[in-house]
PDB file of all heavy atoms in Angstrom:
ATOM      1  N   PHE A   1     151.047 110.937  50.788  1.00  0.00           N
ATOM      2  CA  PHE A   1     150.922 110.853  52.231  1.00  0.00           C
ATOM      3  C   PHE A   1     150.021 109.729  52.555  1.00  0.00           C
ATOM      4  O   PHE A   1     150.385 108.832  53.476  1.00  0.00           O
ATOM      5  CB  PHE A   1     150.224 112.148  52.763  1.00  0.00           C
ATOM      6  CG  PHE A   1     149.728 112.033  54.164  1.00  0.00           C
ATOM      7  CD1 PHE A   1     150.647 112.004  55.327  1.00  0.00           C
ATOM      8  CD2 PHE A   1     148.456 111.834  54.523  1.00  0.00           C
ATOM      9  CE1 PHE A   1     150.273 111.862  56.568  1.00  0.00           C
ATOM     10  CE2 PHE A   1     147.955 111.559  55.775  1.00  0.00           C
ATOM     11  CZ  PHE A   1     148.927 111.711  56.834  1.00  0.00           C
ATOM     12  N   LEU A   2     148.941 109.557  51.969  1.00  0.00           N
ATOM     13  CA  LEU A   2     148.093 108.299  52.174  1.00  0.00           C
ATOM     14  C   LEU A   2     148.670 107.093  51.905  1.00  0.00           C
ATOM     15  O   LEU A   2     148.444 106.073  52.607  1.00  0.00           O
ATOM     16  CB  LEU A   2     146.720 108.541  51.369  1.00  0.00           C
ATOM     17  CG  LEU A   2     145.784 109.661  51.865  1.00  0.00           C
ATOM     18  CD1 LEU A   2     144.690 109.834  50.799  1.00  0.00           C
ATOM     19  CD2 LEU A   2     145.303 109.409  53.201  1.00  0.00           C
ATOM     20  N   CYS A   3     149.601 107.087  50.745  1.00  0.00           N
ATOM     21  CA  CYS A   3     150.275 105.744  50.578  1.00  0.00           C
ATOM     22  C   CYS A   3     151.223 105.434  51.689  1.00  0.00           C
ATOM     23  O   CYS A   3     151.210 104.201  52.124  1.00  0.00           O
ATOM     24  CB  CYS A   3     151.070 106.011  49.210  1.00  0.00           C
ATOM     25  SG  CYS A   3     151.964 104.577  48.664  1.00  0.00           S
ATOM     26  N   CYS A   4     152.030 106.424  52.173  1.00  0.00           N
ATOM     27  CA  CYS A   4     152.905 106.244  53.319  1.00  0.00           C
ATOM     28  C   CYS A   4     152.066 105.718  54.630  1.00  0.00           C
ATOM     29  O   CYS A   4     152.509 104.895  55.306  1.00  0.00           O
ATOM     30  CB  CYS A   4     153.732 107.310  53.557  1.00  0.00           C
ATOM     31  SG  CYS A   4     154.904 107.773  52.220  1.00  0.00           S
ATOM     32  N   PHE A   5     150.956 106.467  54.848  1.00  0.00           N
ATOM     33  CA  PHE A   5     150.147 106.145  55.968  1.00  0.00           C
ATOM     34  C   PHE A   5     149.623 104.710  55.876  1.00  0.00           C
ATOM     35  O   PHE A   5     149.692 103.966  56.906  1.00  0.00           O
ATOM     36  CB  PHE A   5     148.901 107.170  55.964  1.00  0.00           C
ATOM     37  CG  PHE A   5     148.015 106.932  57.022  1.00  0.00           C
ATOM     38  CD1 PHE A   5     148.236 107.422  58.291  1.00  0.00           C
ATOM     39  CD2 PHE A   5     146.854 106.208  56.827  1.00  0.00           C
ATOM     40  CE1 PHE A   5     147.328 107.288  59.428  1.00  0.00           C
ATOM     41  CE2 PHE A   5     145.949 105.920  57.770  1.00  0.00           C
ATOM     42  CZ  PHE A   5     146.188 106.480  59.115  1.00  0.00           C
ATOM     43  N   ARG A   6     149.218 104.290  54.758  1.00  0.00           N
ATOM     44  CA  ARG A   6     148.709 102.950  54.620  1.00  0.00           C
ATOM     45  C   ARG A   6     149.818 101.887  54.723  1.00  0.00           C
ATOM     46  O   ARG A   6     149.517 100.784  55.374  1.00  0.00           O
ATOM     47  CB  ARG A   6     148.088 102.807  53.353  1.00  0.00           C
ATOM     48  CG  ARG A   6     146.582 103.542  53.153  1.00  0.00           C
ATOM     49  CD  ARG A   6     146.036 103.558  51.749  1.00  0.00           C
ATOM     50  NE  ARG A   6     144.819 104.292  51.703  1.00  0.00           N
ATOM     51  CZ  ARG A   6     144.422 104.977  50.688  1.00  0.00           C
ATOM     52  NH1 ARG A   6     145.283 104.992  49.536  1.00  0.00           N
ATOM     53  NH2 ARG A   6     143.375 105.709  50.608  1.00  0.00           N
ATOM     54  N   LYS A   7     151.035 102.208  54.297  1.00  0.00           N
ATOM     55  CA  LYS A   7     152.135 101.329  54.456  1.00  0.00           C
ATOM     56  C   LYS A   7     152.440 101.015  55.967  1.00  0.00           C
ATOM     57  O   LYS A   7     153.056  99.938  56.321  1.00  0.00           O
ATOM     58  CB  LYS A   7     153.391 101.862  53.702  1.00  0.00           C
ATOM     59  CG  LYS A   7     153.354 101.672  52.207  1.00  0.00           C
ATOM     60  CD  LYS A   7     154.590 102.087  51.553  1.00  0.00           C
ATOM     61  CE  LYS A   7     154.484 102.019  50.076  1.00  0.00           C
ATOM     62  NZ  LYS A   7     155.738 102.353  49.510  1.00  0.00           N
ATOM     63  N   ILE A   8     152.195 102.035  56.738  1.00  0.00           N
ATOM     64  CA  ILE A   8     152.513 102.003  58.130  1.00  0.00           C
ATOM     65  C   ILE A   8     151.420 101.230  58.954  1.00  0.00           C
ATOM     66  O   ILE A   8     151.663 100.347  59.694  1.00  0.00           O
ATOM     67  CB  ILE A   8     152.687 103.341  58.820  1.00  0.00           C
ATOM     68  CG1 ILE A   8     153.978 103.940  58.279  1.00  0.00           C
ATOM     69  CG2 ILE A   8     152.888 103.189  60.288  1.00  0.00           C
ATOM     70  CD1 ILE A   8     155.266 103.311  58.703  1.00  0.00           C
ATOM     71  N   VAL A   9     150.126 101.648  58.616  1.00  0.00           N
ATOM     72  CA  VAL A   9     148.958 101.182  59.273  1.00  0.00           C
ATOM     73  C   VAL A   9     148.674  99.743  58.809  1.00  0.00           C
ATOM     74  O   VAL A   9     148.204  98.887  59.651  1.00  0.00           O
ATOM     75  CB  VAL A   9     147.800 102.067  59.091  1.00  0.00           C
ATOM     76  CG1 VAL A   9     146.536 101.477  59.685  1.00  0.00           C
ATOM     77  CG2 VAL A   9     147.994 103.441  59.693  1.00  0.00           C
ATOM     78  N   SER A  10     148.791  99.462  57.568  1.00  0.00           N
ATOM     79  CA  SER A  10     148.385  97.998  57.117  1.00  0.00           C
ATOM     80  C   SER A  10     148.948  96.870  57.781  1.00  0.00           C
ATOM     81  O   SER A  10     148.249  95.917  58.163  1.00  0.00           O
ATOM     82  CB  SER A  10     148.610  98.059  55.598  1.00  0.00           C
ATOM     83  OG  SER A  10     148.339  96.743  55.036  1.00  0.00           O
ATOM     84  N   PRO A  11     150.323  96.845  58.051  1.00  0.00           N
ATOM     85  CA  PRO A  11     150.860  95.709  58.707  1.00  0.00           C
ATOM     86  C   PRO A  11     150.277  95.534  60.258  1.00  0.00           C
ATOM     87  O   PRO A  11     150.390  94.450  60.667  1.00  0.00           O
ATOM     88  CB  PRO A  11     152.420  96.040  58.870  1.00  0.00           C
ATOM     89  CG  PRO A  11     152.641  97.126  57.739  1.00  0.00           C
ATOM     90  CD  PRO A  11     151.306  97.859  57.730  1.00  0.00           C
ATOM     91  N   THR A  12     149.685  96.441  60.775  1.00  0.00           N
ATOM     92  CA  THR A  12     149.043  96.337  62.021  1.00  0.00           C
ATOM     93  C   THR A  12     147.557  95.948  61.954  1.00  0.00           C
ATOM     94  O   THR A  12     146.975  95.910  62.954  1.00  0.00           O
ATOM     95  CB  THR A  12     149.299  97.619  62.870  1.00  0.00           C
ATOM     96  OG1 THR A  12     148.599  98.586  62.417  1.00  0.00           O
ATOM     97  CG2 THR A  12     150.824  97.863  63.122  1.00  0.00           C
ATOM     98  N   GLU A  13     147.034  95.962  60.659  1.00  0.00           N
ATOM     99  CA  GLU A  13     145.666  95.783  60.402  1.00  0.00           C
ATOM    100  C   GLU A  13     144.757  96.751  61.248  1.00  0.00           C
ATOM    101  O   GLU A  13     143.857  96.394  61.945  1.00  0.00           O
ATOM    102  CB  GLU A  13     145.211  94.256  60.818  1.00  0.00           C
ATOM    103  CG  GLU A  13     145.931  93.120  60.095  1.00  0.00           C
ATOM    104  CD  GLU A  13     145.533  91.756  60.500  1.00  0.00           C
ATOM    105  OE1 GLU A  13     144.401  91.558  60.913  1.00  0.00           O
ATOM    106  OE2 GLU A  13     146.424  90.774  60.461  1.00  0.00           O
ATOM    107  N   ASN A  14     145.242  97.983  60.896  1.00  0.00           N
ATOM    108  CA  ASN A  14     144.496  99.136  61.570  1.00  0.00           C
ATOM    109  C   ASN A  14     144.608  99.034  63.007  1.00  0.00           C
ATOM    110  O   ASN A  14     143.646  99.382  63.748  1.00  0.00           O
ATOM    111  CB  ASN A  14     143.072  99.304  61.027  1.00  0.00           C
ATOM    112  CG  ASN A  14     142.483 100.573  61.244  1.00  0.00           C
ATOM    113  OD1 ASN A  14     143.237 101.571  61.046  1.00  0.00           O
ATOM    114  ND2 ASN A  14     141.178 100.686  61.470  1.00  0.00           N
ATOM    115  N   PHE A  15     145.801  98.816  63.563  1.00  0.00           N
ATOM    116  CA  PHE A  15     146.206  98.750  64.971  1.00  0.00           C
ATOM    117  C   PHE A  15     145.215  97.779  65.696  1.00  0.00           C
ATOM    118  O   PHE A  15     144.689  98.027  66.734  1.00  0.00           O
ATOM    119  CB  PHE A  15     145.960 100.149  65.528  1.00  0.00           C
ATOM    120  CG  PHE A  15     146.850 101.176  64.866  1.00  0.00           C
ATOM    121  CD1 PHE A  15     146.364 102.195  64.126  1.00  0.00           C
ATOM    122  CD2 PHE A  15     148.134 101.074  65.246  1.00  0.00           C
ATOM    123  CE1 PHE A  15     147.261 103.192  63.482  1.00  0.00           C
ATOM    124  CE2 PHE A  15     149.030 102.085  64.670  1.00  0.00           C
ATOM    125  CZ  PHE A  15     148.639 103.050  63.848  1.00  0.00           C
ATOM    126  N   ASP A  16     145.252  96.503  65.169  1.00  0.00           N
ATOM    127  CA  ASP A  16     144.655  95.432  65.727  1.00  0.00           C
ATOM    128  C   ASP A  16     145.348  95.153  67.105  1.00  0.00           C
ATOM    129  O   ASP A  16     146.541  95.173  67.199  1.00  0.00           O
ATOM    130  CB  ASP A  16     144.523  94.162  65.023  1.00  0.00           C
ATOM    131  CG  ASP A  16     143.695  93.172  65.511  1.00  0.00           C
ATOM    132  OD1 ASP A  16     144.130  92.363  66.422  1.00  0.00           O
ATOM    133  OD2 ASP A  16     142.488  92.989  65.094  1.00  0.00           O
ATOM    134  N   ALA A  17     144.596  94.811  68.223  1.00  0.00           N
ATOM    135  CA  ALA A  17     145.322  94.546  69.542  1.00  0.00           C
ATOM    136  C   ALA A  17     146.316  93.392  69.387  1.00  0.00           C
ATOM    137  O   ALA A  17     147.287  93.446  70.297  1.00  0.00           O
ATOM    138  CB  ALA A  17     144.166  94.115  70.550  1.00  0.00           C
ATOM    139  N   LYS A  18     146.229  92.460  68.509  1.00  0.00           N
ATOM    140  CA  LYS A  18     147.167  91.389  68.390  1.00  0.00           C
ATOM    141  C   LYS A  18     148.610  91.891  68.106  1.00  0.00           C
ATOM    142  O   LYS A  18     149.491  91.073  68.348  1.00  0.00           O
ATOM    143  CB  LYS A  18     146.660  90.247  67.470  1.00  0.00           C
ATOM    144  CG  LYS A  18     146.753  90.624  66.095  1.00  0.00           C
ATOM    145  CD  LYS A  18     146.136  89.520  65.235  1.00  0.00           C
ATOM    146  CE  LYS A  18     145.963  89.922  63.747  1.00  0.00           C
ATOM    147  NZ  LYS A  18     145.468  88.857  62.871  1.00  0.00           N
ATOM    148  N   TYR A  19     148.764  92.971  67.684  1.00  0.00           N
ATOM    149  CA  TYR A  19     150.061  93.625  67.304  1.00  0.00           C
ATOM    150  C   TYR A  19     150.512  94.563  68.314  1.00  0.00           C
ATOM    151  O   TYR A  19     151.611  95.072  68.365  1.00  0.00           O
ATOM    152  CB  TYR A  19     149.980  94.353  65.996  1.00  0.00           C
ATOM    153  CG  TYR A  19     149.665  93.542  64.769  1.00  0.00           C
ATOM    154  CD1 TYR A  19     148.434  93.399  64.285  1.00  0.00           C
ATOM    155  CD2 TYR A  19     150.659  92.736  64.178  1.00  0.00           C
ATOM    156  CE1 TYR A  19     148.087  92.646  63.195  1.00  0.00           C
ATOM    157  CE2 TYR A  19     150.397  91.799  62.970  1.00  0.00           C
ATOM    158  CZ  TYR A  19     149.130  91.914  62.584  1.00  0.00           C
ATOM    159  OH  TYR A  19     148.713  91.035  61.512  1.00  0.00           O
ATOM    160  N   CYS A  20     149.749  94.697  69.420  1.00  0.00           N
ATOM    161  CA  CYS A  20     150.139  95.684  70.517  1.00  0.00           C
ATOM    162  C   CYS A  20     151.197  94.927  71.430  1.00  0.00           C
ATOM    163  O   CYS A  20     150.989  93.921  71.868  1.00  0.00           O
ATOM    164  CB  CYS A  20     148.936  95.982  71.324  1.00  0.00           C
ATOM    165  SG  CYS A  20     149.260  97.166  72.674  1.00  0.00           S
ATOM    166  N   ILE A  21     152.403  95.684  71.639  1.00  0.00           N
ATOM    167  CA  ILE A  21     153.477  95.092  72.358  1.00  0.00           C
ATOM    168  C   ILE A  21     153.657  95.897  73.698  1.00  0.00           C
ATOM    169  O   ILE A  21     154.593  95.655  74.340  1.00  0.00           O
ATOM    170  CB  ILE A  21     154.763  95.105  71.566  1.00  0.00           C
ATOM    171  CG1 ILE A  21     155.022  96.519  70.941  1.00  0.00           C
ATOM    172  CG2 ILE A  21     154.592  94.072  70.477  1.00  0.00           C
ATOM    173  CD1 ILE A  21     156.363  96.414  70.232  1.00  0.00           C
ATOM    174  N   GLY A  22     152.867  96.918  73.963  1.00  0.00           N
ATOM    175  CA  GLY A  22     153.045  97.691  75.079  1.00  0.00           C
ATOM    176  C   GLY A  22     152.040  98.894  75.161  1.00  0.00           C
ATOM    177  O   GLY A  22     151.434  99.307  74.087  1.00  0.00           O
ATOM    178  N   SER A  23     151.831  99.385  76.326  1.00  0.00           N
ATOM    179  CA  SER A  23     150.877 100.592  76.369  1.00  0.00           C
ATOM    180  C   SER A  23     151.101 101.331  77.675  1.00  0.00           C
ATOM    181  O   SER A  23     151.826 100.878  78.591  1.00  0.00           O
ATOM    182  CB  SER A  23     149.281 100.101  76.549  1.00  0.00           C
ATOM    183  OG  SER A  23     149.201  99.382  77.580  1.00  0.00           O
ATOM    184  N   GLY A  24     150.848 102.584  77.632  1.00  0.00           N
ATOM    185  CA  GLY A  24     150.996 103.572  78.775  1.00  0.00           C
ATOM    186  C   GLY A  24     150.093 104.580  78.788  1.00  0.00           C
ATOM    187  O   GLY A  24     149.007 104.502  78.068  1.00  0.00           O
ATOM    188  N   GLY A  25     150.340 105.667  79.543  1.00  0.00           N
ATOM    189  CA  GLY A  25     149.348 106.710  79.664  1.00  0.00           C
ATOM    190  C   GLY A  25     149.197 107.581  78.448  1.00  0.00           C
ATOM    191  O   GLY A  25     148.055 107.998  78.097  1.00  0.00           O
ATOM    192  N   PHE A  26     150.212 107.539  77.596  1.00  0.00           N
ATOM    193  CA  PHE A  26     150.270 108.435  76.342  1.00  0.00           C
ATOM    194  C   PHE A  26     149.535 107.536  75.186  1.00  0.00           C
ATOM    195  O   PHE A  26     148.851 108.154  74.477  1.00  0.00           O
ATOM    196  CB  PHE A  26     151.673 108.882  75.886  1.00  0.00           C
ATOM    197  CG  PHE A  26     151.822 109.373  74.629  1.00  0.00           C
ATOM    198  CD1 PHE A  26     151.429 110.642  74.320  1.00  0.00           C
ATOM    199  CD2 PHE A  26     152.124 108.507  73.565  1.00  0.00           C
ATOM    200  CE1 PHE A  26     151.589 111.148  73.068  1.00  0.00           C
ATOM    201  CE2 PHE A  26     152.284 109.087  72.252  1.00  0.00           C
ATOM    202  CZ  PHE A  26     152.030 110.324  72.021  1.00  0.00           C
ATOM    203  N   GLY A  27     149.833 106.341  75.098  1.00  0.00           N
ATOM    204  CA  GLY A  27     149.418 105.624  74.009  1.00  0.00           C
ATOM    205  C   GLY A  27     149.736 104.167  74.032  1.00  0.00           C
ATOM    206  O   GLY A  27     150.346 103.693  74.994  1.00  0.00           O
ATOM    207  N   SER A  28     149.446 103.540  72.939  1.00  0.00           N
ATOM    208  CA  SER A  28     149.935 101.944  72.782  1.00  0.00           C
ATOM    209  C   SER A  28     150.935 101.896  71.759  1.00  0.00           C
ATOM    210  O   SER A  28     151.005 102.640  70.707  1.00  0.00           O
ATOM    211  CB  SER A  28     148.688 101.172  72.499  1.00  0.00           C
ATOM    212  OG  SER A  28     147.700 101.263  73.480  1.00  0.00           O
ATOM    213  N   VAL A  29     151.875 100.850  71.866  1.00  0.00           N
ATOM    214  CA  VAL A  29     152.926 100.618  70.886  1.00  0.00           C
ATOM    215  C   VAL A  29     152.632  99.300  70.146  1.00  0.00           C
ATOM    216  O   VAL A  29     152.290  98.211  70.772  1.00  0.00           O
ATOM    217  CB  VAL A  29     154.386 100.562  71.697  1.00  0.00           C
ATOM    218  CG1 VAL A  29     155.381 100.286  70.677  1.00  0.00           C
ATOM    219  CG2 VAL A  29     154.559 101.737  72.405  1.00  0.00           C
TER     220      VAL A  29
END
């Protein structure tokens, strides 16, 4: 699980704002 989690999170550098492509009331994309 942690391996899959890191594979998703790592490309966004832990959800850095520079990778954000949209946001709304629920969350950010």
